[in-house]
Amino acid sequence: MPETQRPLVICAPEPRTLDLIFTPAALDALKAKYRIIEAEEGAIASLGDEILGQARYIIGQPPLSAETLARMPQLRCILNVESNLINNMPYEVLFARGIHVVTTGQVFAEPVAEMGLAMALNIARGIVDADVDFRKGRELWGGEGNAGARLLSGADVGIIGFGDLGKALNRVLSGFRTHTRVYDPWMPASILIDNGVKPSSLEEVLTQSDFIFVVAAVTSENQHFLGADAFASMRPGAAFILLSRANVVDFDALMAAVASGHIVAASDVYPDEPLPLDHPVRSLKGFLRSAHRAGALDSAFKKMGDMVLEDMDLMDRNLPPMRCKRAERETVSRMRSKPVSVN
């Protein structure tokens, strides 16, 4: 196809890069089928009317104004490759014009769910602490090393949030025959029941669980909604595992609950990332730490590129995108997750 006839794609995937999210073969396929204009995420408006007027797709989640969008009459879809829908564009304008906004975030569901399982098993069996003790020659053998150990099998489990990540977590837990309660005010009870979990109130999840997994997105309605009262209501010794975003919890209150010995916790996310070297959570006993790496697998990043190519092909044939998750007009403007700064 002649260069001028190929659809134009603006690529501004920060903090991702095209090499990160596409395999070499997929990137070759992208460049063979489309004209690619790479831009800094804050520089879209400066690209000029000729480029903006021909752009069919945007790969990335750059800030966009209504004025810039008005200069893009052929735009069909914004393909968000950060994972979180960011409140940095006029979604009402996009929906009014029939422009799709989709996200590849579901690629992280399975790897994050597996990390959540690993954290739960570590908390239940003290794997990391036992390894550290062994390295230092102070290990306890046999039953003496299992004073605080317990089983995940058959445990009471609570999940807060039941989107792609919540569903993936439920699947990896299924072999442990857990009794799982789920709180998600945006999810019909029938969907929860169909997935083999018990629809529950937040109070029921907090008070009746041995392990609580938080996988809810941050919205305008739930920022810091899990605070001191929530942690105090949990069973003594219960495990609180934070996998989505830190802004759903009062992090100081979480640390205080762990420091008191009432609960134990694990987290892959923090209020500030990277975390300051003097942050008290770094030395907090009873707290398992991971540096926002649960989903950051190369295999997951590369799936993003495959999904983008498949959905662009569908839209080129005047079909709706089906691989990526579409933003919903009722909820997209309520999303409040911080964008990641490190892949």
C-alpha atoms as a PDB file:
ATOM      1  CA  MET A   1       0.000   0.000   0.000  1.00  0.00           C
ATOM      2  CA  PRO A   2       1.419   3.438  -0.883  1.00  0.00           C
ATOM      3  CA  GLU A   3       2.675   5.483   2.068  1.00  0.00           C
ATOM      4  CA  THR A   4      -0.024   8.134   1.704  1.00  0.00           C
ATOM      5  CA  GLN A   5      -2.811   5.525   1.789  1.00  0.00           C
ATOM      6  CA  ARG A   6      -1.770   3.854   5.007  1.00  0.00           C
ATOM      7  CA  PRO A   7      -3.734   4.937   8.119  1.00  0.00           C
ATOM      8  CA  LEU A   8      -1.825   7.286  10.398  1.00  0.00           C
ATOM      9  CA  VAL A   9      -1.149   6.348  14.013  1.00  0.00           C
ATOM     10  CA  ILE A  10       0.182   8.738  16.648  1.00  0.00           C
ATOM     11  CA  CYS A  11       2.272   6.861  19.216  1.00  0.00           C
ATOM     12  CA  ALA A  12       2.748   8.477  22.639  1.00  0.00           C
ATOM     13  CA  PRO A  13       2.820   5.474  24.975  1.00  0.00           C
ATOM     14  CA  GLU A  14       4.818   7.002  27.884  1.00  0.00           C
ATOM     15  CA  PRO A  15       6.003   5.548  30.176  1.00  0.00           C
ATOM     16  CA  ARG A  16       5.944   2.557  27.839  1.00  0.00           C
ATOM     17  CA  THR A  17       7.839   2.407  24.546  1.00  0.00           C
ATOM     18  CA  LEU A  18       6.941   0.699  21.299  1.00  0.00           C
ATOM     19  CA  ASP A  19       9.851  -1.705  21.775  1.00  0.00           C
ATOM     20  CA  LEU A  20       8.472  -2.635  25.198  1.00  0.00           C
ATOM     21  CA  ILE A  21       4.915  -3.412  24.118  1.00  0.00           C
ATOM     22  CA  PHE A  22       5.520  -4.927  20.679  1.00  0.00           C
ATOM     23  CA  THR A  23       7.601  -7.949  19.765  1.00  0.00           C
ATOM     24  CA  PRO A  24       9.969  -7.261  16.851  1.00  0.00           C
ATOM     25  CA  ALA A  25       7.598  -9.093  14.510  1.00  0.00           C
ATOM     26  CA  ALA A  26       4.548  -7.217  15.792  1.00  0.00           C
ATOM     27  CA  LEU A  27       6.347  -3.874  15.518  1.00  0.00           C
ATOM     28  CA  ASP A  28       7.283  -4.691  11.939  1.00  0.00           C
ATOM     29  CA  ALA A  29       3.632  -5.506  11.251  1.00  0.00           C
ATOM     30  CA  LEU A  30       2.546  -2.207  12.811  1.00  0.00           C
ATOM     31  CA  LYS A  31       4.978  -0.196  10.713  1.00  0.00           C
ATOM     32  CA  ALA A  32       4.108  -2.107   7.536  1.00  0.00           C
ATOM     33  CA  LYS A  33       0.396  -1.380   7.825  1.00  0.00           C
ATOM     34  CA  TYR A  34       0.374   2.118   9.329  1.00  0.00           C
ATOM     35  CA  ARG A  35       2.214   5.404   9.110  1.00  0.00           C
ATOM     36  CA  ILE A  36       3.721   5.942  12.557  1.00  0.00           C
ATOM     37  CA  ILE A  37       4.252   9.344  14.125  1.00  0.00           C
ATOM     38  CA  GLU A  38       6.011   9.149  17.489  1.00  0.00           C
ATOM     39  CA  ALA A  39       5.478  12.072  19.859  1.00  0.00           C
ATOM     40  CA  GLU A  40       6.027  13.123  23.441  1.00  0.00           C
ATOM     41  CA  GLU A  41       2.822  12.749  25.412  1.00  0.00           C
ATOM     42  CA  GLY A  42       2.549  16.496  26.066  1.00  0.00           C
ATOM     43  CA  ALA A  43       3.235  17.506  22.484  1.00  0.00           C
ATOM     44  CA  ILE A  44       0.243  16.153  20.584  1.00  0.00           C
ATOM     45  CA  ALA A  45      -1.310  19.583  20.020  1.00  0.00           C
ATOM     46  CA  SER A  46       1.899  20.832  18.411  1.00  0.00           C
ATOM     47  CA  LEU A  47       1.984  18.161  15.711  1.00  0.00           C
ATOM     48  CA  GLY A  48       0.150  20.361  13.243  1.00  0.00           C
ATOM     49  CA  ASP A  49      -3.184  20.134  11.452  1.00  0.00           C
ATOM     50  CA  GLU A  50      -1.935  17.923   8.623  1.00  0.00           C
ATOM     51  CA  ILE A  51      -0.898  15.142  10.996  1.00  0.00           C
ATOM     52  CA  LEU A  52      -3.765  15.576  13.458  1.00  0.00           C
ATOM     53  CA  GLY A  53      -6.281  15.730  10.643  1.00  0.00           C
ATOM     54  CA  GLN A  54      -5.204  12.319   9.321  1.00  0.00           C
ATOM     55  CA  ALA A  55      -4.691  10.450  12.616  1.00  0.00           C
ATOM     56  CA  ARG A  56      -6.886   7.364  12.900  1.00  0.00           C
ATOM     57  CA  TYR A  57      -5.513   5.989  16.183  1.00  0.00           C
ATOM     58  CA  ILE A  58      -3.542   7.117  19.210  1.00  0.00           C
ATOM     59  CA  ILE A  59      -1.449   4.500  21.011  1.00  0.00           C
ATOM     60  CA  GLY A  60      -0.964   5.864  24.504  1.00  0.00           C
ATOM     61  CA  GLN A  61      -2.828   7.986  26.993  1.00  0.00           C
ATOM     62  CA  PRO A  62      -1.565  11.533  26.423  1.00  0.00           C
ATOM     63  CA  PRO A  63      -3.424  14.538  27.824  1.00  0.00           C
ATOM     64  CA  LEU A  64      -5.832  15.815  25.195  1.00  0.00           C
ATOM     65  CA  SER A  65      -8.024  18.908  25.134  1.00  0.00           C
ATOM     66  CA  ALA A  66     -11.351  19.326  23.385  1.00  0.00           C
ATOM     67  CA  GLU A  67      -9.631  21.816  21.082  1.00  0.00           C
ATOM     68  CA  THR A  68      -7.011  19.269  20.042  1.00  0.00           C
ATOM     69  CA  LEU A  69      -9.638  16.594  19.484  1.00  0.00           C
ATOM     70  CA  ALA A  70     -11.587  18.997  17.271  1.00  0.00           C
ATOM     71  CA  ARG A  71      -8.570  19.011  14.957  1.00  0.00           C
ATOM     72  CA  MET A  72      -8.706  15.205  14.652  1.00  0.00           C
ATOM     73  CA  PRO A  73     -11.788  14.455  12.527  1.00  0.00           C
ATOM     74  CA  GLN A  74     -10.653  10.937  11.560  1.00  0.00           C
ATOM     75  CA  LEU A  75      -9.769   9.702  15.057  1.00  0.00           C
ATOM     76  CA  ARG A  76     -11.419   6.359  15.808  1.00  0.00           C
ATOM     77  CA  CYS A  77      -9.768   5.108  18.989  1.00  0.00           C
ATOM     78  CA  ILE A  78      -7.359   5.916  21.796  1.00  0.00           C
ATOM     79  CA  LEU A  79      -5.576   2.728  22.860  1.00  0.00           C
ATOM     80  CA  ASN A  80      -4.414   3.194  26.448  1.00  0.00           C
ATOM     81  CA  VAL A  81      -1.306   1.102  27.157  1.00  0.00           C
ATOM     82  CA  GLU A  82      -0.659   2.371  30.692  1.00  0.00           C
ATOM     83  CA  SER A  83      -3.485   0.170  32.043  1.00  0.00           C
ATOM     84  CA  ASN A  84      -5.386   2.708  34.144  1.00  0.00           C
ATOM     85  CA  LEU A  85      -7.865   5.058  32.532  1.00  0.00           C
ATOM     86  CA  ILE A  86      -6.524   8.497  33.374  1.00  0.00           C
ATOM     87  CA  ASN A  87      -8.669  11.584  33.923  1.00  0.00           C
ATOM     88  CA  ASN A  88      -6.717  13.668  31.402  1.00  0.00           C
ATOM     89  CA  MET A  89      -9.029  14.017  28.414  1.00  0.00           C
ATOM     90  CA  PRO A  90     -12.655  15.103  27.801  1.00  0.00           C
ATOM     91  CA  TYR A  91     -14.299  11.700  27.706  1.00  0.00           C
ATOM     92  CA  GLU A  92     -17.719  13.233  27.112  1.00  0.00           C
ATOM     93  CA  VAL A  93     -16.411  14.660  23.814  1.00  0.00           C
ATOM     94  CA  LEU A  94     -14.918  11.315  22.821  1.00  0.00           C
ATOM     95  CA  PHE A  95     -18.126   9.428  23.554  1.00  0.00           C
ATOM     96  CA  ALA A  96     -20.263  12.042  21.791  1.00  0.00           C
ATOM     97  CA  ARG A  97     -18.163  11.585  18.660  1.00  0.00           C
ATOM     98  CA  GLY A  98     -18.184   7.787  18.896  1.00  0.00           C
ATOM     99  CA  ILE A  99     -14.438   7.587  19.469  1.00  0.00           C
ATOM    100  CA  HIS A 100     -13.472   4.436  21.379  1.00  0.00           C
ATOM    101  CA  VAL A 101     -11.232   4.579  24.435  1.00  0.00           C
ATOM    102  CA  VAL A 102      -9.808   1.188  25.320  1.00  0.00           C
ATOM    103  CA  THR A 103      -7.208  -0.154  27.738  1.00  0.00           C
ATOM    104  CA  THR A 104      -4.860  -3.113  27.625  1.00  0.00           C
ATOM    105  CA  GLY A 105      -4.810  -3.378  31.418  1.00  0.00           C
ATOM    106  CA  GLN A 106      -6.176  -6.901  31.494  1.00  0.00           C
ATOM    107  CA  VAL A 107      -2.732  -8.200  30.472  1.00  0.00           C
ATOM    108  CA  PHE A 108      -1.635  -7.587  34.062  1.00  0.00           C
ATOM    109  CA  ALA A 109      -4.487  -9.512  35.711  1.00  0.00           C
ATOM    110  CA  GLU A 110      -2.920 -12.968  35.652  1.00  0.00           C
ATOM    111  CA  PRO A 111       0.636 -12.018  36.708  1.00  0.00           C
ATOM    112  CA  VAL A 112      -0.651  -9.773  39.504  1.00  0.00           C
ATOM    113  CA  ALA A 113      -3.020 -12.508  40.672  1.00  0.00           C
ATOM    114  CA  GLU A 114      -0.139 -14.977  40.817  1.00  0.00           C
ATOM    115  CA  MET A 115       1.899 -12.501  42.847  1.00  0.00           C
ATOM    116  CA  GLY A 116      -1.047 -12.094  45.221  1.00  0.00           C
ATOM    117  CA  LEU A 117      -1.173 -15.865  45.659  1.00  0.00           C
ATOM    118  CA  ALA A 118       2.578 -15.928  46.327  1.00  0.00           C
ATOM    119  CA  MET A 119       2.207 -13.200  48.952  1.00  0.00           C
ATOM    120  CA  ALA A 120      -0.623 -15.059  50.674  1.00  0.00           C
ATOM    121  CA  LEU A 121       1.365 -18.295  50.744  1.00  0.00           C
ATOM    122  CA  ASN A 122       4.410 -16.488  52.094  1.00  0.00           C
ATOM    123  CA  ILE A 123       2.392 -14.864  54.847  1.00  0.00           C
ATOM    124  CA  ALA A 124       0.784 -18.195  55.701  1.00  0.00           C
ATOM    125  CA  ARG A 125       4.103 -20.074  55.848  1.00  0.00           C
ATOM    126  CA  GLY A 126       6.696 -17.388  56.610  1.00  0.00           C
ATOM    127  CA  ILE A 127       8.825 -18.323  53.607  1.00  0.00           C
ATOM    128  CA  VAL A 128      10.847 -15.124  53.247  1.00  0.00           C
ATOM    129  CA  ASP A 129      11.569 -14.761  56.977  1.00  0.00           C
ATOM    130  CA  ALA A 130      12.569 -18.441  57.217  1.00  0.00           C
ATOM    131  CA  ASP A 131      14.956 -18.005  54.295  1.00  0.00           C
ATOM    132  CA  VAL A 132      16.539 -14.928  55.898  1.00  0.00           C
ATOM    133  CA  ASP A 133      16.925 -16.822  59.178  1.00  0.00           C
ATOM    134  CA  PHE A 134      18.509 -19.768  57.358  1.00  0.00           C
ATOM    135  CA  ARG A 135      21.041 -17.495  55.641  1.00  0.00           C
ATOM    136  CA  LYS A 136      21.998 -16.073  59.026  1.00  0.00           C
ATOM    137  CA  GLY A 137      22.275 -19.485  60.703  1.00  0.00           C
ATOM    138  CA  ARG A 138      19.350 -18.984  63.076  1.00  0.00           C
ATOM    139  CA  GLU A 139      16.790 -21.224  61.355  1.00  0.00           C
ATOM    140  CA  LEU A 140      14.258 -23.259  63.292  1.00  0.00           C
ATOM    141  CA  TRP A 141      13.811 -26.841  62.106  1.00  0.00           C
ATOM    142  CA  GLY A 142      10.590 -28.767  61.644  1.00  0.00           C
ATOM    143  CA  GLY A 143       7.651 -27.845  63.785  1.00  0.00           C
ATOM    144  CA  GLU A 144       9.634 -25.244  65.681  1.00  0.00           C
ATOM    145  CA  GLY A 145       9.760 -23.201  62.483  1.00  0.00           C
ATOM    146  CA  ASN A 146       5.995 -23.310  62.034  1.00  0.00           C
ATOM    147  CA  ALA A 147       4.786 -21.641  65.217  1.00  0.00           C
ATOM    148  CA  GLY A 148       2.757 -19.058  63.281  1.00  0.00           C
ATOM    149  CA  ALA A 149       2.100 -21.100  60.143  1.00  0.00           C
ATOM    150  CA  ARG A 150      -1.337 -21.765  58.724  1.00  0.00           C
ATOM    151  CA  LEU A 151      -2.970 -23.109  55.598  1.00  0.00           C
ATOM    152  CA  LEU A 152      -4.425 -21.103  52.759  1.00  0.00           C
ATOM    153  CA  SER A 153      -6.466 -24.174  51.797  1.00  0.00           C
ATOM    154  CA  GLY A 154      -9.984 -23.889  53.144  1.00  0.00           C
ATOM    155  CA  ALA A 155      -9.393 -20.377  54.499  1.00  0.00           C
ATOM    156  CA  ASP A 156     -11.927 -17.574  54.549  1.00  0.00           C
ATOM    157  CA  VAL A 157     -10.881 -15.166  51.803  1.00  0.00           C
ATOM    158  CA  GLY A 158     -12.162 -11.695  51.013  1.00  0.00           C
ATOM    159  CA  ILE A 159     -11.662  -9.862  47.726  1.00  0.00           C
ATOM    160  CA  ILE A 160     -12.361  -6.142  47.398  1.00  0.00           C
ATOM    161  CA  GLY A 161     -12.971  -5.397  43.727  1.00  0.00           C
ATOM    162  CA  PHE A 162     -13.935  -7.932  41.077  1.00  0.00           C
ATOM    163  CA  GLY A 163     -12.779  -6.623  37.734  1.00  0.00           C
ATOM    164  CA  ASP A 164     -10.267  -8.448  35.556  1.00  0.00           C
ATOM    165  CA  LEU A 165      -7.795  -8.762  38.438  1.00  0.00           C
ATOM    166  CA  GLY A 166     -10.379  -9.942  40.943  1.00  0.00           C
ATOM    167  CA  LYS A 167     -11.589 -12.622  38.553  1.00  0.00           C
ATOM    168  CA  ALA A 168      -8.026 -13.760  37.829  1.00  0.00           C
ATOM    169  CA  LEU A 169      -7.274 -13.914  41.550  1.00  0.00           C
ATOM    170  CA  ASN A 170     -10.372 -16.008  42.144  1.00  0.00           C
ATOM    171  CA  ARG A 171      -9.210 -18.445  39.459  1.00  0.00           C
ATOM    172  CA  VAL A 172      -5.742 -18.947  40.960  1.00  0.00           C
ATOM    173  CA  LEU A 173      -7.295 -19.442  44.395  1.00  0.00           C
ATOM    174  CA  SER A 174      -9.813 -22.015  43.171  1.00  0.00           C
ATOM    175  CA  GLY A 175      -7.521 -24.981  43.812  1.00  0.00           C
ATOM    176  CA  PHE A 176      -7.248 -24.022  47.481  1.00  0.00           C
ATOM    177  CA  ARG A 177     -10.981 -24.527  48.114  1.00  0.00           C
ATOM    178  CA  THR A 178     -11.240 -21.156  49.834  1.00  0.00           C
ATOM    179  CA  HIS A 179     -14.521 -19.729  51.082  1.00  0.00           C
ATOM    180  CA  THR A 180     -14.474 -16.475  49.154  1.00  0.00           C
ATOM    181  CA  ARG A 181     -16.538 -13.355  49.790  1.00  0.00           C
ATOM    182  CA  VAL A 182     -16.418 -10.407  47.411  1.00  0.00           C
ATOM    183  CA  TYR A 183     -17.290  -6.756  47.858  1.00  0.00           C
ATOM    184  CA  ASP A 184     -17.725  -4.761  44.650  1.00  0.00           C
ATOM    185  CA  PRO A 185     -20.510  -2.154  44.550  1.00  0.00           C
ATOM    186  CA  TRP A 186     -20.197  -1.853  40.753  1.00  0.00           C
ATOM    187  CA  MET A 187     -20.765  -5.573  40.135  1.00  0.00           C
ATOM    188  CA  PRO A 188     -24.179  -7.322  39.986  1.00  0.00           C
ATOM    189  CA  ALA A 189     -24.579 -10.115  42.511  1.00  0.00           C
ATOM    190  CA  SER A 190     -25.400 -12.620  39.769  1.00  0.00           C
ATOM    191  CA  ILE A 191     -21.960 -12.186  38.183  1.00  0.00           C
ATOM    192  CA  LEU A 192     -20.298 -12.853  41.524  1.00  0.00           C
ATOM    193  CA  ILE A 193     -22.427 -15.936  42.085  1.00  0.00           C
ATOM    194  CA  ASP A 194     -21.656 -17.194  38.561  1.00  0.00           C
ATOM    195  CA  ASN A 195     -17.960 -16.948  39.472  1.00  0.00           C
ATOM    196  CA  GLY A 196     -18.456 -19.079  42.562  1.00  0.00           C
ATOM    197  CA  VAL A 197     -17.998 -16.341  45.161  1.00  0.00           C
ATOM    198  CA  LYS A 198     -20.359 -14.921  47.762  1.00  0.00           C
ATOM    199  CA  PRO A 199     -21.601 -11.345  47.256  1.00  0.00           C
ATOM    200  CA  SER A 200     -20.866  -9.562  50.526  1.00  0.00           C
ATOM    201  CA  SER A 201     -20.796  -6.194  52.193  1.00  0.00           C
ATOM    202  CA  LEU A 202     -17.512  -4.505  52.944  1.00  0.00           C
ATOM    203  CA  GLU A 203     -18.079  -5.171  56.647  1.00  0.00           C
ATOM    204  CA  GLU A 204     -18.558  -8.887  55.988  1.00  0.00           C
ATOM    205  CA  VAL A 205     -15.371  -9.083  53.926  1.00  0.00           C
ATOM    206  CA  LEU A 206     -13.351  -7.257  56.565  1.00  0.00           C
ATOM    207  CA  THR A 207     -14.667  -9.090  59.625  1.00  0.00           C
ATOM    208  CA  GLN A 208     -14.994 -12.623  58.254  1.00  0.00           C
ATOM    209  CA  SER A 209     -11.775 -13.145  56.279  1.00  0.00           C
ATOM    210  CA  ASP A 210      -8.395 -14.674  57.095  1.00  0.00           C
ATOM    211  CA  PHE A 211      -6.894 -13.191  53.923  1.00  0.00           C
ATOM    212  CA  ILE A 212      -8.126  -9.985  52.289  1.00  0.00           C
ATOM    213  CA  PHE A 213      -7.001  -9.042  48.785  1.00  0.00           C
ATOM    214  CA  VAL A 214      -7.542  -5.452  47.624  1.00  0.00           C
ATOM    215  CA  VAL A 215      -7.722  -5.263  43.835  1.00  0.00           C
ATOM    216  CA  ALA A 216     -10.114  -2.324  43.401  1.00  0.00           C
ATOM    217  CA  ALA A 217      -9.311   0.543  41.068  1.00  0.00           C
ATOM    218  CA  VAL A 218      -9.062   3.990  42.637  1.00  0.00           C
ATOM    219  CA  THR A 219     -12.162   6.074  41.944  1.00  0.00           C
ATOM    220  CA  SER A 220     -13.573   9.408  43.036  1.00  0.00           C
ATOM    221  CA  GLU A 221     -15.675   7.451  45.554  1.00  0.00           C
ATOM    222  CA  ASN A 222     -13.158   5.162  47.269  1.00  0.00           C
ATOM    223  CA  GLN A 223      -9.931   7.090  47.840  1.00  0.00           C
ATOM    224  CA  HIS A 224      -8.543   6.146  51.285  1.00  0.00           C
ATOM    225  CA  PHE A 225     -11.808   4.383  52.134  1.00  0.00           C
ATOM    226  CA  LEU A 226      -9.974   1.631  54.015  1.00  0.00           C
ATOM    227  CA  GLY A 227      -8.744   3.277  57.201  1.00  0.00           C
ATOM    228  CA  ALA A 228      -8.157   2.663  60.894  1.00  0.00           C
ATOM    229  CA  ASP A 229     -11.717   1.487  61.573  1.00  0.00           C
ATOM    230  CA  ALA A 230     -11.536  -1.009  58.710  1.00  0.00           C
ATOM    231  CA  PHE A 231      -8.262  -2.487  59.926  1.00  0.00           C
ATOM    232  CA  ALA A 232      -9.470  -2.626  63.535  1.00  0.00           C
ATOM    233  CA  SER A 233     -12.512  -4.632  62.417  1.00  0.00           C
ATOM    234  CA  MET A 234     -10.387  -7.384  60.859  1.00  0.00           C
ATOM    235  CA  ARG A 235      -9.725 -10.689  62.580  1.00  0.00           C
ATOM    236  CA  PRO A 236      -6.584 -10.694  64.757  1.00  0.00           C
ATOM    237  CA  GLY A 237      -3.717 -11.978  62.656  1.00  0.00           C
ATOM    238  CA  ALA A 238      -5.597 -11.595  59.365  1.00  0.00           C
ATOM    239  CA  ALA A 239      -3.549 -10.848  56.238  1.00  0.00           C
ATOM    240  CA  PHE A 240      -4.223  -7.710  54.189  1.00  0.00           C
ATOM    241  CA  ILE A 241      -2.761  -7.885  50.678  1.00  0.00           C
ATOM    242  CA  LEU A 242      -2.769  -4.709  48.579  1.00  0.00           C
ATOM    243  CA  LEU A 243      -2.338  -5.259  44.836  1.00  0.00           C
ATOM    244  CA  SER A 244      -4.128  -2.470  42.961  1.00  0.00           C
ATOM    245  CA  ARG A 245      -3.290   1.092  44.043  1.00  0.00           C
ATOM    246  CA  ALA A 246      -2.222   2.519  47.398  1.00  0.00           C
ATOM    247  CA  ASN A 247      -4.722   5.372  47.297  1.00  0.00           C
ATOM    248  CA  VAL A 248      -7.604   3.069  48.210  1.00  0.00           C
ATOM    249  CA  VAL A 249      -6.156   2.797  51.720  1.00  0.00           C
ATOM    250  CA  ASP A 250      -5.036   5.142  54.459  1.00  0.00           C
ATOM    251  CA  PHE A 251      -1.468   3.882  54.292  1.00  0.00           C
ATOM    252  CA  ASP A 252      -0.450   5.348  57.654  1.00  0.00           C
ATOM    253  CA  ALA A 253      -3.392   3.582  59.283  1.00  0.00           C
ATOM    254  CA  LEU A 254      -2.399   0.333  57.569  1.00  0.00           C
ATOM    255  CA  MET A 255       1.147   0.592  58.903  1.00  0.00           C
ATOM    256  CA  ALA A 256      -0.178   1.373  62.390  1.00  0.00           C
ATOM    257  CA  ALA A 257      -2.417  -1.707  62.327  1.00  0.00           C
ATOM    258  CA  VAL A 258       0.556  -3.878  61.341  1.00  0.00           C
ATOM    259  CA  ALA A 259       2.886  -2.252  63.878  1.00  0.00           C
ATOM    260  CA  SER A 260       0.362  -2.963  66.640  1.00  0.00           C
ATOM    261  CA  GLY A 261       0.449  -6.672  65.783  1.00  0.00           C
ATOM    262  CA  HIS A 262      -3.278  -6.775  65.036  1.00  0.00           C
ATOM    263  CA  ILE A 263      -2.834  -7.759  61.366  1.00  0.00           C
ATOM    264  CA  VAL A 264      -0.085  -8.611  58.912  1.00  0.00           C
ATOM    265  CA  ALA A 265       0.128  -7.123  55.449  1.00  0.00           C
ATOM    266  CA  ALA A 266       1.742  -7.253  52.029  1.00  0.00           C
ATOM    267  CA  SER A 267       1.798  -4.622  49.320  1.00  0.00           C
ATOM    268  CA  ASP A 268       3.037  -4.191  45.772  1.00  0.00           C
ATOM    269  CA  VAL A 269       2.034  -0.501  45.652  1.00  0.00           C
ATOM    270  CA  TYR A 270       2.761   2.603  47.714  1.00  0.00           C
ATOM    271  CA  PRO A 271       1.593   6.228  48.079  1.00  0.00           C
ATOM    272  CA  ASP A 272       4.817   7.460  46.464  1.00  0.00           C
ATOM    273  CA  GLU A 273       6.819   5.480  43.955  1.00  0.00           C
ATOM    274  CA  PRO A 274       9.728   4.993  44.046  1.00  0.00           C
ATOM    275  CA  LEU A 275       9.424   4.894  47.814  1.00  0.00           C
ATOM    276  CA  PRO A 276      11.749   7.187  49.857  1.00  0.00           C
ATOM    277  CA  LEU A 277      14.641   5.294  51.437  1.00  0.00           C
ATOM    278  CA  ASP A 278      13.641   6.493  54.911  1.00  0.00           C
ATOM    279  CA  HIS A 279       9.981   5.445  54.609  1.00  0.00           C
ATOM    280  CA  PRO A 280       8.954   3.556  57.770  1.00  0.00           C
ATOM    281  CA  VAL A 281       7.312   0.713  55.861  1.00  0.00           C
ATOM    282  CA  ARG A 282      10.767  -0.463  54.760  1.00  0.00           C
ATOM    283  CA  SER A 283      11.585  -1.723  58.260  1.00  0.00           C
ATOM    284  CA  LEU A 284       8.101  -2.605  59.463  1.00  0.00           C
ATOM    285  CA  LYS A 285       7.904  -6.108  60.932  1.00  0.00           C
ATOM    286  CA  GLY A 286       4.909  -8.085  59.700  1.00  0.00           C
ATOM    287  CA  PHE A 287       4.846  -6.276  56.338  1.00  0.00           C
ATOM    288  CA  LEU A 288       5.861  -8.038  53.107  1.00  0.00           C
ATOM    289  CA  ARG A 289       7.093  -5.582  50.465  1.00  0.00           C
ATOM    290  CA  SER A 290       7.249  -5.732  46.655  1.00  0.00           C
ATOM    291  CA  ALA A 291       8.357  -2.821  44.440  1.00  0.00           C
ATOM    292  CA  HIS A 292       5.310  -2.507  42.134  1.00  0.00           C
ATOM    293  CA  ARG A 293       6.593  -5.419  40.066  1.00  0.00           C
ATOM    294  CA  ALA A 294       3.667  -7.830  40.250  1.00  0.00           C
ATOM    295  CA  GLY A 295       2.464  -7.240  36.703  1.00  0.00           C
ATOM    296  CA  ALA A 296       5.649  -5.972  35.078  1.00  0.00           C
ATOM    297  CA  LEU A 297       6.565  -9.073  33.102  1.00  0.00           C
ATOM    298  CA  ASP A 298       7.875  -8.791  29.555  1.00  0.00           C
ATOM    299  CA  SER A 299       5.338 -11.401  28.462  1.00  0.00           C
ATOM    300  CA  ALA A 300       2.527  -9.164  29.736  1.00  0.00           C
ATOM    301  CA  PHE A 301       3.898  -6.060  28.035  1.00  0.00           C
ATOM    302  CA  LYS A 302       4.197  -7.881  24.718  1.00  0.00           C
ATOM    303  CA  LYS A 303       0.555  -9.010  24.920  1.00  0.00           C
ATOM    304  CA  MET A 304      -0.370  -5.328  24.840  1.00  0.00           C
ATOM    305  CA  GLY A 305       1.004  -4.960  21.329  1.00  0.00           C
ATOM    306  CA  ASP A 306      -0.845  -8.022  20.086  1.00  0.00           C
ATOM    307  CA  MET A 307      -4.115  -6.715  21.522  1.00  0.00           C
ATOM    308  CA  VAL A 308      -3.583  -3.281  19.979  1.00  0.00           C
ATOM    309  CA  LEU A 309      -2.914  -4.762  16.536  1.00  0.00           C
ATOM    310  CA  GLU A 310      -5.953  -7.030  16.685  1.00  0.00           C
ATOM    311  CA  ASP A 311      -8.304  -4.233  17.699  1.00  0.00           C
ATOM    312  CA  MET A 312      -6.922  -1.810  15.118  1.00  0.00           C
ATOM    313  CA  ASP A 313      -7.484  -4.456  12.457  1.00  0.00           C
ATOM    314  CA  LEU A 314     -11.094  -4.854  13.578  1.00  0.00           C
ATOM    315  CA  MET A 315     -11.716  -1.115  13.510  1.00  0.00           C
ATOM    316  CA  ASP A 316     -10.075  -0.828  10.086  1.00  0.00           C
ATOM    317  CA  ARG A 317     -12.858  -3.144   8.934  1.00  0.00           C
ATOM    318  CA  ASN A 318     -15.514  -1.009  10.662  1.00  0.00           C
ATOM    319  CA  LEU A 319     -15.958  -3.490  13.490  1.00  0.00           C
ATOM    320  CA  PRO A 320     -15.783  -2.642  17.210  1.00  0.00           C
ATOM    321  CA  PRO A 321     -12.649  -3.318  19.255  1.00  0.00           C
ATOM    322  CA  MET A 322     -12.947  -6.601  21.130  1.00  0.00           C
ATOM    323  CA  ARG A 323      -9.548  -7.484  22.636  1.00  0.00           C
ATOM    324  CA  CYS A 324      -8.980  -4.405  24.769  1.00  0.00           C
ATOM    325  CA  LYS A 325     -11.380  -3.328  27.484  1.00  0.00           C
ATOM    326  CA  ARG A 326     -13.584  -0.426  26.482  1.00  0.00           C
ATOM    327  CA  ALA A 327     -14.062   2.565  28.756  1.00  0.00           C
ATOM    328  CA  GLU A 328     -17.632   3.051  29.937  1.00  0.00           C
ATOM    329  CA  ARG A 329     -19.163   6.513  29.849  1.00  0.00           C
ATOM    330  CA  GLU A 330     -20.759   6.004  33.281  1.00  0.00           C
ATOM    331  CA  THR A 331     -17.501   5.245  35.103  1.00  0.00           C
ATOM    332  CA  VAL A 332     -14.469   6.485  33.159  1.00  0.00           C
ATOM    333  CA  SER A 333     -14.541  10.021  34.539  1.00  0.00           C
ATOM    334  CA  ARG A 334     -14.611   8.613  38.082  1.00  0.00           C
ATOM    335  CA  MET A 335     -11.231   6.873  37.770  1.00  0.00           C
ATOM    336  CA  ARG A 336      -8.498   8.403  39.934  1.00  0.00           C
ATOM    337  CA  SER A 337      -5.484   6.050  39.764  1.00  0.00           C
ATOM    338  CA  LYS A 338      -2.092   7.708  39.582  1.00  0.00           C
ATOM    339  CA  PRO A 339      -0.308   6.940  36.300  1.00  0.00           C
ATOM    340  CA  VAL A 340       2.792   4.821  36.667  1.00  0.00           C
ATOM    341  CA  SER A 341       6.171   6.459  36.173  1.00  0.00           C
ATOM    342  CA  VAL A 342       8.288   3.288  36.042  1.00  0.00           C
ATOM    343  CA  ASN A 343       7.464   0.250  33.907  1.00  0.00           C
END
